[in-house]
Amino acid sequence: MKKSKAYWNRLIHRDLACFFLGLIIAFSASGIILNHRVDIDPQEYTVQTDAI
């Protein structure tokens, strides 16, 4: 039995939605961690720069 275009459209839409949801969760978690890293892992560090 041949699958309809609506079936494949629904299937692809579901898979893409799950993929992009995973990306959104990963990027939001990493953003929160990077913005609040002083609270999560307080470390003293210095940055030394030299003029070129």
Protein backbone atom coordinates (compact mmCIF):
# COMPACT_ATOMS: atom_id res chain seq x y z
CA MET A 1 0.00 0.00 0.00
CA LYS A 2 1.38 3.38 -1.02
CA LYS A 3 1.80 5.99 1.70
CA SER A 4 0.27 9.40 1.06
CA LYS A 5 2.13 12.71 0.96
CA ALA A 6 0.40 13.75 4.16
CA TYR A 7 1.81 10.69 5.92
CA TRP A 8 5.38 11.49 4.83
CA ASN A 9 4.91 15.17 5.61
CA ARG A 10 3.75 14.34 9.13
CA LEU A 11 6.63 11.89 9.60
CA ILE A 12 9.32 14.32 8.45
CA HIS A 13 7.77 17.16 10.44
CA ARG A 14 7.84 15.05 13.62
CA ASP A 15 11.46 14.00 13.12
CA LEU A 16 12.65 17.53 12.36
CA ALA A 17 10.77 18.88 15.37
CA CYS A 18 12.45 16.36 17.68
CA PHE A 19 15.87 17.15 16.21
CA PHE A 20 15.49 20.92 16.59
CA LEU A 21 14.01 20.54 20.07
CA GLY A 22 17.17 18.70 21.07
CA LEU A 23 19.30 21.49 19.63
CA ILE A 24 17.29 24.16 21.44
CA ILE A 25 17.60 22.35 24.76
CA ALA A 26 21.36 21.82 24.30
CA PHE A 27 22.03 25.45 23.36
CA SER A 28 19.85 26.84 26.14
CA ALA A 29 21.50 24.61 28.76
CA SER A 30 24.99 25.57 27.59
CA GLY A 31 24.02 29.25 27.55
CA ILE A 32 22.73 29.10 31.11
CA ILE A 33 25.86 27.28 32.24
CA LEU A 34 28.16 29.79 30.54
CA ASN A 35 26.27 32.81 31.90
CA HIS A 36 26.21 31.48 35.46
CA ARG A 37 29.54 29.68 35.62
CA VAL A 38 30.69 31.81 38.56
CA ASP A 39 27.85 30.36 40.64
CA ILE A 40 28.40 26.81 39.39
CA ASP A 41 32.22 26.62 39.52
CA PRO A 42 33.81 29.68 41.15
CA GLN A 43 37.43 29.95 40.07
CA GLU A 44 39.84 32.84 40.16
CA TYR A 45 41.57 33.36 36.84
CA THR A 46 43.44 36.16 35.15
CA VAL A 47 43.87 37.00 31.52
CA GLN A 48 47.15 38.45 30.29
CA THR A 49 47.21 40.29 26.98
CA ASP A 50 50.13 41.65 25.01
CA ALA A 51 49.95 44.41 22.44
CA ILE A 52 50.91 43.35 18.95
